[in-house]
Amino acid sequence: MLPLKQKDKEIIKKLLASGCCARCVLRFCCIGVPDAYRHTPPETLKELRAFVNASEDGTSSESTQEEKNSSQNAAEFEPASKRSKLEEPAEEPGVCVVCLGVLQHLSDVSQAVQIADAVRKEKYQVDTLVLSISLPAQMCVREHSCWLHVKDQVRAKCCVLGRDDVIQVKEAFKWIMQDLLAQELAGVAVATKSALEVSVGFTHPETDADCYFLASTCPDCFKATKNKQSVFTRMAVVKALEKIPDSKFIKHSPCPPSRPGSSCTPQDVQCVHVSVFVAGRYNKFCRSLPQTPWLIDGQRRMESSVEELIAAPVLTAFGAQGFNFSSSGREDVDVRTLGNGRPFALELLNPRKSKLCEEDMKSVQQVRRHLPCVCVRTWCRDVHNPVLQLINASSEKIRVRDLQMVSRDAMSRMKEGEEEKTKSYLALVWTQKSIQKDDIAFINHIKDLTIDQKTPLRVLHRRTLAVRQRLIHSMNASLLDEHHFRLSLKTQAGTYIKEFVHGDFGRTTPNLCQLLDTHTDILELDVQSVDVDWPPALPD
């Protein structure tokens, strides 16, 4: 039985006469019991009519059982004309003037099947989902119109009830669809919070014009933007309805609203899973591999990149639609990254899996049997990580370690190290004039050298022109021959090492050319370490 009160009678009568569906009548009666909306519209309408008719016969829903029995017995002796009032067919004459058929015709088993089919098609491996609904903005106008039509009766029912106490169409739709969807998607519960969001949208072009008068009455609420197809967004319409006086609204919009000729049109169901984050460290052993795809004027310059070699197996393993790659700094295409590697993270977009179980990990396991000796020694600790093995088996140009899932919040740890931490490098330096060991010995004693670096010419196209002050903590020079020596450096993150060596036409000062009083250039550069303690090292 519906939880109705005697004072609901006038609200029910006015709304049914205005063309509201049975479920919208419950909403305006402020019925917040989900089960009340799960009966079929004909069943609910029949019960509403019975409630009104019983009230008119002097019997309220709060009557005692004896009074009800007495009323039923008396009905047997009443004239047929009076009994017909109780036996009206429970059929709604047309499309609801408020929900435009959403709660009336578009929230049944067939709709649940369509939503469930869309979820199954995407093959998400989840235990829960959250259902969201997008409704036409003009539905707000129609609801406001009906509210003005019955607000006196609602407030007579309870003086504290207001417009915000009316149950929203979205809420009622979710209450109705929860059980239906759970039955269709066995094992998947419809929750209030979930990693998977299933969006259902509806449009109703026939009534789009319902909102137009608001543009002239509240012009400051509607401002055109590049990304919006229409200025009449739901948020803008709600804002305008909060501002417009009741008298002005009634002057421009029918109250109650006019009857529509058709129901809303359902749009395609959209499924989106929240991003999953995977982090690790990578080494790069190749001097012809960019970190990210290298494109010049739309043309690709290299066949692959670090991010693509790492991302491809991970995307497959998680069934993600795309990814965003980030790292703690970046190396040039001709620079190797050695040591314990550079921290990186992948944001996996709309993944079908939120985590990898043991069976999934096994399914992607591939191990290269003949790796270079240096790689076997360095990466033998990772033999228990099949996804990592798949990445490492795909190319000898890179290796990945400490691959693990992380939270979005943990990503900030990596970014903190980009300019606050230190990095170590090893460079092969050429000098124009002949040098001896004593000529470079002083370099070993230089500590905490502050340099000013104007944005290098080679990166000026992507970085703002500025002078950045950086700190070189220590250096160590080792002579190879009269024109070459190796230079080890420990610097503040963000230091341009190449520019410090050759001076970049005087844009970096002081530089190695000035310190040695000769032209110098860098022939090779390796990143030896990136001193960021993230992500956590995994146990052997």
Foldseek 3Di string as FASTA:
>chain_A
DQPDWLLLLVLLVLQLVQQAFLVLSCLLLLRPDLVLLQDASLVSQLVSQQQNLCVVVVHHPPDDPVVVVVVVVVLVVDDPVSVVSNVPRSDRPAQGQQQQCCSHPCQDLVNLLQLLVVLVVLQFDDQEEEEFEAEDLLSVLLLVLQCVVCVVSSCVVPVPDDPVSRDDPRVNSCSNNQVSNCVSVPRYGHDNDDQKYKYKYWDDVQCNCSQVVLCVVPVVLFDDDPPDPGSSDNVSSVVSVVVDDPVVSVVPAPRNHDGDHHGIDIDRMDMWGAWWKKKWFKWFPAQQAFQAFDADPNHTDDPHHVCCLLVPLVCVLQVAPDKDKDWLDGDGSRATEDARGTMMMITGTRTSYNDHDPVSQVVQADADPDAPPVCCVVCVQPPVGRSQRNSVNVDNRMHIAPIDIDDPVCVVLRNVLQFANKWKKKFKKFWPFFDDPVLCQVQQVDAFDKKWAFPAPVCCVPDPTDIDIWTWGGKDWADDGRTIIMMMTMIGRPDDQQCQAQVRVVRMPPHVCVSSVTGMGTDYMYTNDRPRCPDPHDDD
